[in-house]
Amino acid sequence: MPKLTLSERDSFLAEPGVVMRIAVTREDGSPLVTPIWFAHEDDAIYFTPRAKSEWFDCLRRDSRCALCIDEQPLPYRKVLAEGSAELLHDVGADAQWRDLYRRIAGRYVPAAEADAYIENTIDQPRALFRLNLATAKLSTWRMPVADEAGDGIWHQRYYAPGSKLST
């Protein structure tokens, strides 16, 4: 599949309503995947757990995570990132980054509803994390578009030797 260009990636990550899934590891080693809201700014993904969320406890213990940001309709754009999430603001410092949280909420609901959501949950402390895309292991792809060839779109490792589309 073709990789997203930097411009395509940034455009996709800026689209409202696209949900991210974060994967972390529980203390017993089992995986935990949670769909969450995010924002892409300054070549980083910003996200915010509530103080009592299980995945927040996991990130406190082990900052490694994997992010999956994708879409259901064609061209099936996908951004996958693996790295260590940086805790920028711990619980209790919400006022220092509330404008960013307002921008995150505004990606998913209209501005007035985002303001109401923040006001209604202001007493539920959150933390703020960032995954820097420049230092993360990053992969992107999409289905071919327009006049791009539509055959042989998988990575060669997926084709059985000697099959029609293997090289």
Protein backbone atom coordinates (compact mmCIF):
# COMPACT_ATOMS: atom_id res chain seq x y z
CA MET A 1 0.00 0.00 0.00
CA PRO A 2 1.25 3.51 -0.62
CA LYS A 3 2.57 5.38 2.40
CA LEU A 4 0.97 8.69 3.28
CA THR A 5 3.02 11.70 2.31
CA LEU A 6 3.82 14.06 5.19
CA SER A 7 1.13 16.42 3.88
CA GLU A 8 -1.43 13.59 3.64
CA ARG A 9 -0.53 12.39 7.14
CA ASP A 10 -0.87 15.84 8.69
CA SER A 11 -4.13 16.49 6.85
CA PHE A 12 -5.57 13.17 8.04
CA LEU A 13 -4.48 13.74 11.65
CA ALA A 14 -6.17 17.17 11.58
CA GLU A 15 -9.55 15.85 10.46
CA PRO A 16 -12.26 16.25 13.10
CA GLY A 17 -13.84 13.17 14.60
CA VAL A 18 -11.06 10.66 13.94
CA VAL A 19 -10.58 8.57 17.09
CA MET A 20 -7.27 7.13 18.24
CA ARG A 21 -6.72 3.83 19.98
CA ILE A 22 -3.92 3.67 22.54
CA ALA A 23 -2.36 0.36 23.51
CA VAL A 24 -0.55 0.02 26.83
CA THR A 25 0.58 -2.89 28.98
CA ARG A 26 -1.03 -3.80 32.27
CA GLU A 27 1.12 -4.74 35.25
CA ASP A 28 0.47 -8.45 34.58
CA GLY A 29 1.74 -8.03 31.00
CA SER A 30 -1.65 -8.20 29.32
CA PRO A 31 -2.53 -5.59 26.69
CA LEU A 32 -5.07 -2.81 27.14
CA VAL A 33 -6.45 -0.88 24.15
CA THR A 34 -8.64 2.19 24.67
CA PRO A 35 -10.26 4.49 22.08
CA ILE A 36 -9.64 8.13 22.97
CA TRP A 37 -9.68 11.69 21.66
CA PHE A 38 -6.42 13.32 20.59
CA ALA A 39 -4.89 16.33 18.91
CA HIS A 40 -1.99 16.51 16.48
CA GLU A 41 0.12 19.64 16.94
CA ASP A 42 3.82 20.44 16.56
CA ASP A 43 4.58 16.97 15.10
CA ALA A 44 3.26 15.28 18.22
CA ILE A 45 0.10 13.50 19.35
CA TYR A 46 -1.43 14.90 22.54
CA PHE A 47 -3.87 12.91 24.66
CA THR A 48 -5.31 13.11 28.11
CA PRO A 49 -6.37 10.39 30.54
CA ARG A 50 -8.64 10.98 33.48
CA ALA A 51 -6.95 10.42 36.83
CA LYS A 52 -8.87 7.21 37.50
CA SER A 53 -8.49 5.59 34.06
CA GLU A 54 -6.73 2.24 33.97
CA TRP A 55 -4.58 3.17 31.00
CA PHE A 56 -3.26 6.20 32.91
CA ASP A 57 -1.99 3.88 35.65
CA CYS A 58 -0.37 1.73 32.96
CA LEU A 59 1.43 4.74 31.41
CA ARG A 60 2.64 5.90 34.83
CA ARG A 61 4.25 2.52 35.32
CA ASP A 62 5.53 2.04 31.75
CA SER A 63 5.49 4.94 29.29
CA ARG A 64 5.70 2.71 26.21
CA CYS A 65 2.58 2.77 24.08
CA ALA A 66 1.29 2.15 20.58
CA LEU A 67 -1.19 4.42 18.83
CA CYS A 68 -3.53 3.47 16.01
CA ILE A 69 -5.31 6.24 14.13
CA ASP A 70 -7.34 5.01 11.16
CA GLU A 71 -10.54 5.41 9.23
CA GLN A 72 -13.26 3.05 8.01
CA PRO A 73 -14.09 4.54 4.58
CA LEU A 74 -11.77 4.50 1.59
CA PRO A 75 -8.91 5.20 1.17
CA TYR A 76 -8.43 3.48 4.57
CA ARG A 77 -5.76 5.88 5.81
CA LYS A 78 -3.79 4.64 8.78
CA VAL A 79 -1.14 6.06 11.08
CA LEU A 80 0.57 3.76 13.56
CA ALA A 81 3.07 5.03 16.10
CA GLU A 82 5.06 3.30 18.82
CA GLY A 83 7.14 5.06 21.42
CA SER A 84 7.34 6.43 24.92
CA ALA A 85 4.64 8.87 25.96
CA GLU A 86 5.89 11.91 27.82
CA LEU A 87 3.87 13.14 30.79
CA LEU A 88 3.72 16.90 30.21
CA HIS A 89 1.29 17.81 33.01
CA ASP A 90 0.32 15.55 35.86
CA VAL A 91 -3.09 15.49 37.49
CA GLY A 92 -3.93 18.77 39.16
CA ALA A 93 -2.28 21.02 36.55
CA ASP A 94 -5.31 21.04 34.25
CA ALA A 95 -5.61 24.83 34.23
CA GLN A 96 -2.15 25.09 32.62
CA TRP A 97 -3.24 23.26 29.48
CA ARG A 98 -7.03 23.71 29.37
CA ASP A 99 -6.85 25.56 26.03
CA LEU A 100 -5.25 22.50 24.45
CA TYR A 101 -7.94 20.31 25.99
CA ARG A 102 -10.56 22.66 24.54
CA ARG A 103 -8.97 22.17 21.10
CA ILE A 104 -9.01 18.39 21.60
CA ALA A 105 -12.70 18.39 22.59
CA GLY A 106 -13.49 20.75 19.72
CA ARG A 107 -12.29 18.14 17.24
CA TYR A 108 -15.14 15.86 18.31
CA VAL A 109 -18.07 18.09 19.25
CA PRO A 110 -19.14 21.64 18.29
CA ALA A 111 -17.40 24.48 20.16
CA ALA A 112 -20.32 25.26 22.48
CA GLU A 113 -20.66 21.59 23.40
CA ALA A 114 -16.89 21.30 23.92
CA ASP A 115 -17.00 24.24 26.34
CA ALA A 116 -19.96 22.66 28.15
CA TYR A 117 -18.19 19.30 28.32
CA ILE A 118 -15.08 20.91 29.81
CA GLU A 119 -17.16 22.91 32.30
CA ASN A 120 -19.17 19.83 33.31
CA THR A 121 -16.06 17.69 33.83
CA ILE A 122 -13.68 20.32 35.19
CA ASP A 123 -13.75 18.62 38.60
CA GLN A 124 -12.47 15.36 37.05
CA PRO A 125 -8.68 15.80 37.04
CA ARG A 126 -6.73 14.79 33.97
CA ALA A 127 -3.12 14.52 32.91
CA LEU A 128 -1.61 15.46 29.57
CA PHE A 129 0.69 13.20 27.56
CA ARG A 130 2.53 13.68 24.30
CA LEU A 131 4.03 11.23 21.85
CA ASN A 132 6.60 12.95 19.67
CA LEU A 133 6.22 11.60 16.12
CA ALA A 134 9.81 12.52 15.21
CA THR A 135 11.15 10.02 17.75
CA ALA A 136 8.40 7.39 17.47
CA LYS A 137 8.47 4.32 15.26
CA LEU A 138 5.96 5.46 12.65
CA SER A 139 4.20 3.77 9.75
CA THR A 140 1.45 5.06 7.51
CA TRP A 141 -0.48 3.77 4.54
CA ARG A 142 -3.59 4.11 2.47
CA MET A 143 -5.25 2.43 -0.47
CA PRO A 144 -4.26 3.67 -3.92
CA VAL A 145 -6.15 6.73 -5.10
CA ALA A 146 -6.94 8.28 -8.50
CA ASP A 147 -4.63 6.88 -11.18
CA GLU A 148 -2.37 4.83 -8.86
CA ALA A 149 -2.08 1.13 -9.66
CA GLY A 150 -4.46 -0.97 -7.56
CA ASP A 151 -2.70 -4.31 -7.86
CA GLY A 152 0.16 -5.54 -5.75
CA ILE A 153 -0.64 -3.04 -3.00
CA TRP A 154 0.46 -5.20 -0.08
CA HIS A 155 4.02 -5.29 1.15
CA GLN A 156 5.91 -8.07 -0.62
CA ARG A 157 6.31 -10.02 2.64
CA TYR A 158 2.58 -10.86 2.45
CA TYR A 159 2.72 -12.56 -0.97
CA ALA A 160 3.52 -16.25 -1.17
CA PRO A 161 6.66 -16.93 -3.23
CA GLY A 162 5.78 -17.58 -6.85
CA SER A 163 2.28 -16.12 -6.54
CA LYS A 164 0.89 -13.81 -9.21
CA LEU A 165 1.82 -10.54 -7.44
CA SER A 166 5.11 -11.54 -5.78
CA THR A 167 8.32 -10.15 -7.20
